[in-house]
mmCIF file of all heavy atoms, coordinates in Angstrom:
data_MODEL
# 
_entry.id   MODEL 
# 
loop_
_atom_site.group_PDB 
_atom_site.id 
_atom_site.type_symbol 
_atom_site.label_atom_id 
_atom_site.label_alt_id 
_atom_site.label_comp_id 
_atom_site.label_asym_id 
_atom_site.label_entity_id 
_atom_site.label_seq_id 
_atom_site.pdbx_PDB_ins_code 
_atom_site.Cartn_x 
_atom_site.Cartn_y 
_atom_site.Cartn_z 
_atom_site.occupancy 
_atom_site.B_iso_or_equiv 
_atom_site.pdbx_formal_charge 
_atom_site.auth_seq_id 
_atom_site.auth_comp_id 
_atom_site.auth_asym_id 
_atom_site.auth_atom_id 
_atom_site.pdbx_PDB_model_num 
ATOM 1   N N   . ILE A 1 1  ? -25.304 -51.034 -106.526 1.00 0.00 ? 1  ILE A N   1 
ATOM 2   C CA  . ILE A 1 1  ? -24.214 -51.588 -105.733 1.00 0.00 ? 1  ILE A CA  1 
ATOM 3   C C   . ILE A 1 1  ? -23.770 -50.553 -104.710 1.00 0.00 ? 1  ILE A C   1 
ATOM 4   O O   . ILE A 1 1  ? -23.543 -49.385 -105.046 1.00 0.00 ? 1  ILE A O   1 
ATOM 5   C CB  . ILE A 1 1  ? -23.036 -51.993 -106.632 1.00 0.00 ? 1  ILE A CB  1 
ATOM 6   C CG1 . ILE A 1 1  ? -23.440 -53.223 -107.468 1.00 0.00 ? 1  ILE A CG1 1 
ATOM 7   C CG2 . ILE A 1 1  ? -21.786 -52.294 -105.806 1.00 0.00 ? 1  ILE A CG2 1 
ATOM 8   C CD1 . ILE A 1 1  ? -22.371 -53.699 -108.411 1.00 0.00 ? 1  ILE A CD1 1 
ATOM 9   N N   . THR A 1 2  ? -23.650 -50.973 -103.456 1.00 0.00 ? 2  THR A N   1 
ATOM 10  C CA  . THR A 1 2  ? -23.277 -50.056 -102.385 1.00 0.00 ? 2  THR A CA  1 
ATOM 11  C C   . THR A 1 2  ? -21.841 -49.575 -102.543 1.00 0.00 ? 2  THR A C   1 
ATOM 12  O O   . THR A 1 2  ? -21.576 -48.376 -102.617 1.00 0.00 ? 2  THR A O   1 
ATOM 13  C CB  . THR A 1 2  ? -23.446 -50.726 -101.013 1.00 0.00 ? 2  THR A CB  1 
ATOM 14  O OG1 . THR A 1 2  ? -24.771 -51.251 -100.918 1.00 0.00 ? 2  THR A OG1 1 
ATOM 15  C CG2 . THR A 1 2  ? -23.214 -49.749 -99.886  1.00 0.00 ? 2  THR A CG2 1 
ATOM 16  N N   . ASP A 1 3  ? -20.903 -50.511 -102.575 1.00 0.00 ? 3  ASP A N   1 
ATOM 17  C CA  . ASP A 1 3  ? -19.509 -50.132 -102.741 1.00 0.00 ? 3  ASP A CA  1 
ATOM 18  C C   . ASP A 1 3  ? -18.682 -51.326 -103.188 1.00 0.00 ? 3  ASP A C   1 
ATOM 19  O O   . ASP A 1 3  ? -19.104 -52.480 -103.052 1.00 0.00 ? 3  ASP A O   1 
ATOM 20  C CB  . ASP A 1 3  ? -18.931 -49.548 -101.441 1.00 0.00 ? 3  ASP A CB  1 
ATOM 21  C CG  . ASP A 1 3  ? -19.010 -50.530 -100.289 1.00 0.00 ? 3  ASP A CG  1 
ATOM 22  O OD1 . ASP A 1 3  ? -18.184 -51.454 -100.244 1.00 0.00 ? 3  ASP A OD1 1 
ATOM 23  O OD2 . ASP A 1 3  ? -19.909 -50.385 -99.440  1.00 0.00 ? 3  ASP A OD2 1 
ATOM 24  N N   . VAL A 1 4  ? -17.506 -51.022 -103.713 1.00 0.00 ? 4  VAL A N   1 
ATOM 25  C CA  . VAL A 1 4  ? -16.566 -52.042 -104.178 1.00 0.00 ? 4  VAL A CA  1 
ATOM 26  C C   . VAL A 1 4  ? -15.181 -51.665 -103.672 1.00 0.00 ? 4  VAL A C   1 
ATOM 27  O O   . VAL A 1 4  ? -14.792 -50.500 -103.712 1.00 0.00 ? 4  VAL A O   1 
ATOM 28  C CB  . VAL A 1 4  ? -16.528 -52.128 -105.721 1.00 0.00 ? 4  VAL A CB  1 
ATOM 29  C CG1 . VAL A 1 4  ? -15.525 -53.183 -106.178 1.00 0.00 ? 4  VAL A CG1 1 
ATOM 30  C CG2 . VAL A 1 4  ? -17.906 -52.416 -106.290 1.00 0.00 ? 4  VAL A CG2 1 
ATOM 31  N N   . SER A 1 5  ? -14.448 -52.645 -103.171 1.00 0.00 ? 5  SER A N   1 
ATOM 32  C CA  . SER A 1 5  ? -13.059 -52.402 -102.783 1.00 0.00 ? 5  SER A CA  1 
ATOM 33  C C   . SER A 1 5  ? -12.149 -53.345 -103.559 1.00 0.00 ? 5  SER A C   1 
ATOM 34  O O   . SER A 1 5  ? -12.465 -54.524 -103.733 1.00 0.00 ? 5  SER A O   1 
ATOM 35  C CB  . SER A 1 5  ? -12.861 -52.588 -101.278 1.00 0.00 ? 5  SER A CB  1 
ATOM 36  O OG  . SER A 1 5  ? -13.052 -53.940 -100.912 1.00 0.00 ? 5  SER A OG  1 
ATOM 37  N N   . VAL A 1 6  ? -11.044 -52.800 -104.048 1.00 0.00 ? 6  VAL A N   1 
ATOM 38  C CA  . VAL A 1 6  ? -10.042 -53.573 -104.784 1.00 0.00 ? 6  VAL A CA  1 
ATOM 39  C C   . VAL A 1 6  ? -8.707  -53.344 -104.086 1.00 0.00 ? 6  VAL A C   1 
ATOM 40  O O   . VAL A 1 6  ? -8.249  -52.207 -103.981 1.00 0.00 ? 6  VAL A O   1 
ATOM 41  C CB  . VAL A 1 6  ? -9.949  -53.134 -106.257 1.00 0.00 ? 6  VAL A CB  1 
ATOM 42  C CG1 . VAL A 1 6  ? -8.946  -54.008 -107.008 1.00 0.00 ? 6  VAL A CG1 1 
ATOM 43  C CG2 . VAL A 1 6  ? -11.317 -53.199 -106.926 1.00 0.00 ? 6  VAL A CG2 1 
ATOM 44  N N   . THR A 1 7  ? -8.104  -54.417 -103.601 1.00 0.00 ? 7  THR A N   1 
ATOM 45  C CA  . THR A 1 7  ? -6.862  -54.293 -102.835 1.00 0.00 ? 7  THR A CA  1 
ATOM 46  C C   . THR A 1 7  ? -5.747  -55.117 -103.483 1.00 0.00 ? 7  THR A C   1 
ATOM 47  O O   . THR A 1 7  ? -5.902  -56.322 -103.698 1.00 0.00 ? 7  THR A O   1 
ATOM 48  C CB  . THR A 1 7  ? -7.061  -54.765 -101.382 1.00 0.00 ? 7  THR A CB  1 
ATOM 49  O OG1 . THR A 1 7  ? -8.130  -54.025 -100.790 1.00 0.00 ? 7  THR A OG1 1 
ATOM 50  C CG2 . THR A 1 7  ? -5.799  -54.560 -100.565 1.00 0.00 ? 7  THR A CG2 1 
ATOM 51  N N   . PHE A 1 8  ? -4.648  -54.447 -103.778 1.00 0.00 ? 8  PHE A N   1 
ATOM 52  C CA  . PHE A 1 8  ? -3.479  -55.110 -104.353 1.00 0.00 ? 8  PHE A CA  1 
ATOM 53  C C   . PHE A 1 8  ? -2.403  -55.242 -103.286 1.00 0.00 ? 8  PHE A C   1 
ATOM 54  O O   . PHE A 1 8  ? -2.214  -54.359 -102.458 1.00 0.00 ? 8  PHE A O   1 
ATOM 55  C CB  . PHE A 1 8  ? -2.921  -54.299 -105.529 1.00 0.00 ? 8  PHE A CB  1 
ATOM 56  C CG  . PHE A 1 8  ? -3.828  -54.231 -106.722 1.00 0.00 ? 8  PHE A CG  1 
ATOM 57  C CD1 . PHE A 1 8  ? -4.730  -53.186 -106.864 1.00 0.00 ? 8  PHE A CD1 1 
ATOM 58  C CD2 . PHE A 1 8  ? -3.781  -55.215 -107.701 1.00 0.00 ? 8  PHE A CD2 1 
ATOM 59  C CE1 . PHE A 1 8  ? -5.568  -53.114 -107.959 1.00 0.00 ? 8  PHE A CE1 1 
ATOM 60  C CE2 . PHE A 1 8  ? -4.615  -55.149 -108.805 1.00 0.00 ? 8  PHE A CE2 1 
ATOM 61  C CZ  . PHE A 1 8  ? -5.511  -54.100 -108.937 1.00 0.00 ? 8  PHE A CZ  1 
ATOM 62  N N   . ASN A 1 9  ? -1.688  -56.358 -103.342 1.00 0.00 ? 9  ASN A N   1 
ATOM 63  C CA  . ASN A 1 9  ? -0.597  -56.586 -102.401 1.00 0.00 ? 9  ASN A CA  1 
ATOM 64  C C   . ASN A 1 9  ? 0.599   -57.161 -103.150 1.00 0.00 ? 9  ASN A C   1 
ATOM 65  O O   . ASN A 1 9  ? 0.444   -58.064 -103.979 1.00 0.00 ? 9  ASN A O   1 
ATOM 66  C CB  . ASN A 1 9  ? -1.028  -57.538 -101.291 1.00 0.00 ? 9  ASN A CB  1 
ATOM 67  C CG  . ASN A 1 9  ? -0.022  -57.589 -100.155 1.00 0.00 ? 9  ASN A CG  1 
ATOM 68  O OD1 . ASN A 1 9  ? 0.826   -56.707 -100.018 1.00 0.00 ? 9  ASN A OD1 1 
ATOM 69  N ND2 . ASN A 1 9  ? -0.104  -58.622 -99.340  1.00 0.00 ? 9  ASN A ND2 1 
ATOM 70  N N   . LYS A 1 10 ? 1.769   -56.614 -102.881 1.00 0.00 ? 10 LYS A N   1 
ATOM 71  C CA  . LYS A 1 10 ? 2.987   -57.099 -103.526 1.00 0.00 ? 10 LYS A CA  1 
ATOM 72  C C   . LYS A 1 10 ? 3.658   -58.128 -102.639 1.00 0.00 ? 10 LYS A C   1 
ATOM 73  O O   . LYS A 1 10 ? 4.032   -57.841 -101.507 1.00 0.00 ? 10 LYS A O   1 
ATOM 74  C CB  . LYS A 1 10 ? 3.940   -55.935 -103.803 1.00 0.00 ? 10 LYS A CB  1 
ATOM 75  C CG  . LYS A 1 10 ? 5.186   -56.342 -104.567 1.00 0.00 ? 10 LYS A CG  1 
ATOM 76  C CD  . LYS A 1 10 ? 6.071   -55.144 -104.867 1.00 0.00 ? 10 LYS A CD  1 
ATOM 77  C CE  . LYS A 1 10 ? 7.313   -55.557 -105.650 1.00 0.00 ? 10 LYS A CE  1 
ATOM 78  N NZ  . LYS A 1 10 ? 8.193   -54.403 -105.948 1.00 0.00 ? 10 LYS A NZ  1 
ATOM 79  N N   . LEU A 1 11 ? 3.825   -59.333 -103.160 1.00 0.00 ? 11 LEU A N   1 
ATOM 80  C CA  . LEU A 1 11 ? 4.520   -60.404 -102.456 1.00 0.00 ? 11 LEU A CA  1 
ATOM 81  C C   . LEU A 1 11 ? 5.934   -60.530 -103.022 1.00 0.00 ? 11 LEU A C   1 
ATOM 82  O O   . LEU A 1 11 ? 6.259   -59.886 -104.022 1.00 0.00 ? 11 LEU A O   1 
ATOM 83  C CB  . LEU A 1 11 ? 3.741   -61.713 -102.622 1.00 0.00 ? 11 LEU A CB  1 
ATOM 84  C CG  . LEU A 1 11 ? 2.275   -61.683 -102.143 1.00 0.00 ? 11 LEU A CG  1 
ATOM 85  C CD1 . LEU A 1 11 ? 1.609   -63.010 -102.430 1.00 0.00 ? 11 LEU A CD1 1 
ATOM 86  C CD2 . LEU A 1 11 ? 2.195   -61.328 -100.667 1.00 0.00 ? 11 LEU A CD2 1 
ATOM 87  N N   . PRO A 1 12 ? 6.775   -61.354 -102.413 1.00 0.00 ? 12 PRO A N   1 
ATOM 88  C CA  . PRO A 1 12 ? 8.159   -61.468 -102.904 1.00 0.00 ? 12 PRO A CA  1 
ATOM 89  C C   . PRO A 1 12 ? 8.277   -61.821 -104.383 1.00 0.00 ? 12 PRO A C   1 
ATOM 90  O O   . PRO A 1 12 ? 9.136   -61.285 -105.091 1.00 0.00 ? 12 PRO A O   1 
ATOM 91  C CB  . PRO A 1 12 ? 8.737   -62.575 -102.016 1.00 0.00 ? 12 PRO A CB  1 
ATOM 92  C CG  . PRO A 1 12 ? 7.972   -62.461 -100.739 1.00 0.00 ? 12 PRO A CG  1 
ATOM 93  C CD  . PRO A 1 12 ? 6.581   -62.095 -101.166 1.00 0.00 ? 12 PRO A CD  1 
ATOM 94  N N   . THR A 1 13 ? 7.415   -62.708 -104.868 1.00 0.00 ? 13 THR A N   1 
ATOM 95  C CA  . THR A 1 13 ? 7.541   -63.141 -106.268 1.00 0.00 ? 13 THR A CA  1 
ATOM 96  C C   . THR A 1 13 ? 6.253   -62.976 -107.072 1.00 0.00 ? 13 THR A C   1 
ATOM 97  O O   . THR A 1 13 ? 6.174   -63.448 -108.206 1.00 0.00 ? 13 THR A O   1 
ATOM 98  C CB  . THR A 1 13 ? 7.976   -64.627 -106.330 1.00 0.00 ? 13 THR A CB  1 
ATOM 99  O OG1 . THR A 1 13 ? 6.991   -65.430 -105.651 1.00 0.00 ? 13 THR A OG1 1 
ATOM 100 C CG2 . THR A 1 13 ? 9.330   -64.817 -105.678 1.00 0.00 ? 13 THR A CG2 1 
ATOM 101 N N   . SER A 1 14 ? 5.241   -62.349 -106.493 1.00 0.00 ? 14 SER A N   1 
ATOM 102 C CA  . SER A 1 14 ? 3.970   -62.222 -107.211 1.00 0.00 ? 14 SER A CA  1 
ATOM 103 C C   . SER A 1 14 ? 3.147   -61.078 -106.636 1.00 0.00 ? 14 SER A C   1 
ATOM 104 O O   . SER A 1 14 ? 3.561   -60.403 -105.694 1.00 0.00 ? 14 SER A O   1 
ATOM 105 C CB  . SER A 1 14 ? 3.176   -63.530 -107.121 1.00 0.00 ? 14 SER A CB  1 
ATOM 106 O OG  . SER A 1 14 ? 2.860   -63.821 -105.764 1.00 0.00 ? 14 SER A OG  1 
ATOM 107 N N   . TYR A 1 15 ? 1.957   -60.881 -107.228 1.00 0.00 ? 15 TYR A N   1 
ATOM 108 C CA  . TYR A 1 15 ? 1.006   -59.877 -106.765 1.00 0.00 ? 15 TYR A CA  1 
ATOM 109 C C   . TYR A 1 15 ? -0.334  -60.556 -106.513 1.00 0.00 ? 15 TYR A C   1 
ATOM 110 O O   . TYR A 1 15 ? -0.686  -61.524 -107.195 1.00 0.00 ? 15 TYR A O   1 
ATOM 111 C CB  . TYR A 1 15 ? 0.805   -58.784 -107.820 1.00 0.00 ? 15 TYR A CB  1 
ATOM 112 C CG  . TYR A 1 15 ? 2.031   -57.962 -108.110 1.00 0.00 ? 15 TYR A CG  1 
ATOM 113 C CD1 . TYR A 1 15 ? 2.934   -58.355 -109.093 1.00 0.00 ? 15 TYR A CD1 1 
ATOM 114 C CD2 . TYR A 1 15 ? 2.292   -56.792 -107.399 1.00 0.00 ? 15 TYR A CD2 1 
ATOM 115 C CE1 . TYR A 1 15 ? 4.068   -57.600 -109.364 1.00 0.00 ? 15 TYR A CE1 1 
ATOM 116 C CE2 . TYR A 1 15 ? 3.424   -56.026 -107.669 1.00 0.00 ? 15 TYR A CE2 1 
ATOM 117 C CZ  . TYR A 1 15 ? 4.299   -56.433 -108.658 1.00 0.00 ? 15 TYR A CZ  1 
ATOM 118 O OH  . TYR A 1 15 ? 5.416   -55.684 -108.923 1.00 0.00 ? 15 TYR A OH  1 
ATOM 119 N N   . THR A 1 16 ? -1.064  -60.055 -105.532 1.00 0.00 ? 16 THR A N   1 
ATOM 120 C CA  . THR A 1 16 ? -2.420  -60.537 -105.302 1.00 0.00 ? 16 THR A CA  1 
ATOM 121 C C   . THR A 1 16 ? -3.396  -59.382 -105.479 1.00 0.00 ? 16 THR A C   1 
ATOM 122 O O   . THR A 1 16 ? -3.056  -58.217 -105.231 1.00 0.00 ? 16 THR A O   1 
ATOM 123 C CB  . THR A 1 16 ? -2.610  -61.118 -103.887 1.00 0.00 ? 16 THR A CB  1 
ATOM 124 O OG1 . THR A 1 16 ? -2.397  -60.080 -102.917 1.00 0.00 ? 16 THR A OG1 1 
ATOM 125 C CG2 . THR A 1 16 ? -1.657  -62.271 -103.639 1.00 0.00 ? 16 THR A CG2 1 
ATOM 126 N N   . CYS A 1 17 ? -4.599  -59.718 -105.904 1.00 0.00 ? 17 CYS A N   1 
ATOM 127 C CA  . CYS A 1 17 ? -5.670  -58.731 -106.045 1.00 0.00 ? 17 CYS A CA  1 
ATOM 128 C C   . CYS A 1 17 ? -6.933  -59.303 -105.413 1.00 0.00 ? 17 CYS A C   1 
ATOM 129 O O   . CYS A 1 17 ? -7.383  -60.393 -105.794 1.00 0.00 ? 17 CYS A O   1 
ATOM 130 C CB  . CYS A 1 17 ? -5.928  -58.421 -107.521 1.00 0.00 ? 17 CYS A CB  1 
ATOM 131 S SG  . CYS A 1 17 ? -7.361  -57.343 -107.797 1.00 0.00 ? 17 CYS A SG  1 
ATOM 132 N N   . GLN A 1 18 ? -7.475  -58.601 -104.437 1.00 0.00 ? 18 GLN A N   1 
ATOM 133 C CA  . GLN A 1 18 ? -8.722  -59.013 -103.785 1.00 0.00 ? 18 GLN A CA  1 
ATOM 134 C C   . GLN A 1 18 ? -9.812  -58.015 -104.152 1.00 0.00 ? 18 GLN A C   1 
ATOM 135 O O   . GLN A 1 18 ? -9.628  -56.813 -104.000 1.00 0.00 ? 18 GLN A O   1 
ATOM 136 C CB  . GLN A 1 18 ? -8.560  -59.057 -102.269 1.00 0.00 ? 18 GLN A CB  1 
ATOM 137 C CG  . GLN A 1 18 ? -7.589  -60.118 -101.791 1.00 0.00 ? 18 GLN A CG  1 
ATOM 138 C CD  . GLN A 1 18 ? -7.472  -60.146 -100.269 1.00 0.00 ? 18 GLN A CD  1 
ATOM 139 O OE1 . GLN A 1 18 ? -7.832  -59.187 -99.591  1.00 0.00 ? 18 GLN A OE1 1 
ATOM 140 N NE2 . GLN A 1 18 ? -6.962  -61.244 -99.737  1.00 0.00 ? 18 GLN A NE2 1 
ATOM 141 N N   . ILE A 1 19 ? -10.925 -58.540 -104.639 1.00 0.00 ? 19 ILE A N   1 
ATOM 142 C CA  . ILE A 1 19 ? -12.072 -57.707 -104.999 1.00 0.00 ? 19 ILE A CA  1 
ATOM 143 C C   . ILE A 1 19 ? -13.239 -58.081 -104.110 1.00 0.00 ? 19 ILE A C   1 
ATOM 144 O O   . ILE A 1 19 ? -13.572 -59.264 -103.969 1.00 0.00 ? 19 ILE A O   1 
ATOM 145 C CB  . ILE A 1 19 ? -12.468 -57.896 -106.477 1.00 0.00 ? 19 ILE A CB  1 
ATOM 146 C CG1 . ILE A 1 19 ? -11.290 -57.565 -107.396 1.00 0.00 ? 19 ILE A CG1 1 
ATOM 147 C CG2 . ILE A 1 19 ? -13.674 -57.018 -106.825 1.00 0.00 ? 19 ILE A CG2 1 
ATOM 148 C CD1 . ILE A 1 19 ? -11.576 -57.840 -108.866 1.00 0.00 ? 19 ILE A CD1 1 
ATOM 149 N N   . HIS A 1 20 ? -13.849 -57.079 -103.498 1.00 0.00 ? 20 HIS A N   1 
ATOM 150 C CA  . HIS A 1 20 ? -15.025 -57.299 -102.655 1.00 0.00 ? 20 HIS A CA  1 
ATOM 151 C C   . HIS A 1 20 ? -16.128 -56.364 -103.119 1.00 0.00 ? 20 HIS A C   1 
ATOM 152 O O   . HIS A 1 20 ? -15.969 -55.151 -103.060 1.00 0.00 ? 20 HIS A O   1 
ATOM 153 C CB  . HIS A 1 20 ? -14.706 -57.053 -101.180 1.00 0.00 ? 20 HIS A CB  1 
ATOM 154 C CG  . HIS A 1 20 ? -15.865 -57.343 -100.283 1.00 0.00 ? 20 HIS A CG  1 
ATOM 155 N ND1 . HIS A 1 20 ? -16.480 -56.390 -99.525  1.00 0.00 ? 20 HIS A ND1 1 
ATOM 156 C CD2 . HIS A 1 20 ? -16.540 -58.501 -100.036 1.00 0.00 ? 20 HIS A CD2 1 
ATOM 157 C CE1 . HIS A 1 20 ? -17.478 -56.935 -98.843  1.00 0.00 ? 20 HIS A CE1 1 
ATOM 158 N NE2 . HIS A 1 20 ? -17.535 -58.205 -99.139  1.00 0.00 ? 20 HIS A NE2 1 
ATOM 159 N N   . VAL A 1 21 ? -17.225 -56.949 -103.585 1.00 0.00 ? 21 VAL A N   1 
ATOM 160 C CA  . VAL A 1 21 ? -18.365 -56.181 -104.075 1.00 0.00 ? 21 VAL A CA  1 
ATOM 161 C C   . VAL A 1 21 ? -19.508 -56.312 -103.078 1.00 0.00 ? 21 VAL A C   1 
ATOM 162 O O   . VAL A 1 21 ? -19.994 -57.416 -102.823 1.00 0.00 ? 21 VAL A O   1 
ATOM 163 C CB  . VAL A 1 21 ? -18.839 -56.681 -105.462 1.00 0.00 ? 21 VAL A CB  1 
ATOM 164 C CG1 . VAL A 1 21 ? -20.018 -55.847 -105.965 1.00 0.00 ? 21 VAL A CG1 1 
ATOM 165 C CG2 . VAL A 1 21 ? -17.694 -56.644 -106.460 1.00 0.00 ? 21 VAL A CG2 1 
ATOM 166 N N   . HIS A 1 22 ? -19.937 -55.191 -102.507 1.00 0.00 ? 22 HIS A N   1 
ATOM 167 C CA  . HIS A 1 22 ? -21.096 -55.179 -101.613 1.00 0.00 ? 22 HIS A CA  1 
ATOM 168 C C   . HIS A 1 22 ? -22.303 -54.867 -102.494 1.00 0.00 ? 22 HIS A C   1 
ATOM 169 O O   . HIS A 1 22 ? -22.679 -53.711 -102.685 1.00 0.00 ? 22 HIS A O   1 
ATOM 170 C CB  . HIS A 1 22 ? -20.916 -54.126 -100.529 1.00 0.00 ? 22 HIS A CB  1 
ATOM 171 C CG  . HIS A 1 22 ? -21.931 -54.210 -99.450  1.00 0.00 ? 22 HIS A CG  1 
ATOM 172 N ND1 . HIS A 1 22 ? -22.067 -53.256 -98.469  1.00 0.00 ? 22 HIS A ND1 1 
ATOM 173 C CD2 . HIS A 1 22 ? -22.885 -55.151 -99.180  1.00 0.00 ? 22 HIS A CD2 1 
ATOM 174 C CE1 . HIS A 1 22 ? -23.052 -53.591 -97.659  1.00 0.00 ? 22 HIS A CE1 1 
ATOM 175 N NE2 . HIS A 1 22 ? -23.563 -54.732 -98.076  1.00 0.00 ? 22 HIS A NE2 1 
ATOM 176 N N   . ALA A 1 23 ? -22.901 -55.925 -103.051 1.00 0.00 ? 23 ALA A N   1 
ATOM 177 C CA  . ALA A 1 23 ? -23.940 -55.752 -104.067 1.00 0.00 ? 23 ALA A CA  1 
ATOM 178 C C   . ALA A 1 23 ? -25.265 -55.270 -103.487 1.00 0.00 ? 23 ALA A C   1 
ATOM 179 O O   . ALA A 1 23 ? -26.008 -54.542 -104.142 1.00 0.00 ? 23 ALA A O   1 
ATOM 180 C CB  . ALA A 1 23 ? -24.157 -57.065 -104.823 1.00 0.00 ? 23 ALA A CB  1 
ATOM 181 N N   . SER A 1 24 ? -25.572 -55.682 -102.277 1.00 0.00 ? 24 SER A N   1 
ATOM 182 C CA  . SER A 1 24 ? -26.819 -55.287 -101.620 1.00 0.00 ? 24 SER A CA  1 
ATOM 183 C C   . SER A 1 24 ? -26.690 -55.601 -100.144 1.00 0.00 ? 24 SER A C   1 
ATOM 184 O O   . SER A 1 24 ? -25.656 -56.123 -99.693  1.00 0.00 ? 24 SER A O   1 
ATOM 185 C CB  . SER A 1 24 ? -28.025 -56.030 -102.217 1.00 0.00 ? 24 SER A CB  1 
ATOM 186 O OG  . SER A 1 24 ? -27.910 -57.427 -101.997 1.00 0.00 ? 24 SER A OG  1 
ATOM 187 N N   . ARG A 1 25 ? -27.734 -55.329 -99.368  1.00 0.00 ? 25 ARG A N   1 
ATOM 188 C CA  . ARG A 1 25 ? -27.675 -55.594 -97.932  1.00 0.00 ? 25 ARG A CA  1 
ATOM 189 C C   . ARG A 1 25 ? -27.374 -57.061 -97.646  1.00 0.00 ? 25 ARG A C   1 
ATOM 190 O O   . ARG A 1 25 ? -26.653 -57.388 -96.703  1.00 0.00 ? 25 ARG A O   1 
ATOM 191 C CB  . ARG A 1 25 ? -29.007 -55.220 -97.263  1.00 0.00 ? 25 ARG A CB  1 
ATOM 192 C CG  . ARG A 1 25 ? -28.986 -55.407 -95.741  1.00 0.00 ? 25 ARG A CG  1 
ATOM 193 C CD  . ARG A 1 25 ? -30.369 -55.529 -95.166  1.00 0.00 ? 25 ARG A CD  1 
ATOM 194 N NE  . ARG A 1 25 ? -31.068 -56.697 -95.642  1.00 0.00 ? 25 ARG A NE  1 
ATOM 195 C CZ  . ARG A 1 25 ? -30.847 -57.950 -95.220  1.00 0.00 ? 25 ARG A CZ  1 
ATOM 196 N NH1 . ARG A 1 25 ? -29.908 -58.194 -94.325  1.00 0.00 ? 25 ARG A NH1 1 
ATOM 197 N NH2 . ARG A 1 25 ? -31.535 -58.965 -95.702  1.00 0.00 ? 25 ARG A NH2 1 
ATOM 198 N N   . ASP A 1 26 ? -27.898 -57.948 -98.472  1.00 0.00 ? 26 ASP A N   1 
ATOM 199 C CA  . ASP A 1 26 ? -27.796 -59.375 -98.170  1.00 0.00 ? 26 ASP A CA  1 
ATOM 200 C C   . ASP A 1 26 ? -26.852 -60.153 -99.083  1.00 0.00 ? 26 ASP A C   1 
ATOM 201 O O   . ASP A 1 26 ? -26.775 -61.369 -98.992  1.00 0.00 ? 26 ASP A O   1 
ATOM 202 C CB  . ASP A 1 26 ? -29.197 -60.012 -98.241  1.00 0.00 ? 26 ASP A CB  1 
ATOM 203 C CG  . ASP A 1 26 ? -29.742 -60.039 -99.667  1.00 0.00 ? 26 ASP A CG  1 
ATOM 204 O OD1 . ASP A 1 26 ? -29.412 -59.117 -100.438 1.00 0.00 ? 26 ASP A OD1 1 
ATOM 205 O OD2 . ASP A 1 26 ? -30.483 -60.968 -100.011 1.00 0.00 ? 26 ASP A OD2 1 
ATOM 206 N N   . LEU A 1 27 ? -26.124 -59.463 -99.966  1.00 0.00 ? 27 LEU A N   1 
ATOM 207 C CA  . LEU A 1 27 ? -25.288 -60.208 -100.908 1.00 0.00 ? 27 LEU A CA  1 
ATOM 208 C C   . LEU A 1 27 ? -23.946 -59.521 -101.140 1.00 0.00 ? 27 LEU A C   1 
ATOM 209 O O   . LEU A 1 27 ? -23.893 -58.362 -101.536 1.00 0.00 ? 27 LEU A O   1 
ATOM 210 C CB  . LEU A 1 27 ? -26.004 -60.369 -102.250 1.00 0.00 ? 27 LEU A CB  1 
ATOM 211 C CG  . LEU A 1 27 ? -25.245 -61.171 -103.320 1.00 0.00 ? 27 LEU A CG  1 
ATOM 212 C CD1 . LEU A 1 27 ? -25.003 -62.601 -102.836 1.00 0.00 ? 27 LEU A CD1 1 
ATOM 213 C CD2 . LEU A 1 27 ? -26.026 -61.182 -104.627 1.00 0.00 ? 27 LEU A CD2 1 
# 
C-alpha cells in the first residue's frame, strides 16, 4: 500500500472520519 490518510473533523453535534487508502497505482 502506497499511503493511507485518516482525517477527523469536529462538527457541531458529531464527528466525521474519512479514510483514503491508496492501495496501488490503479486502485
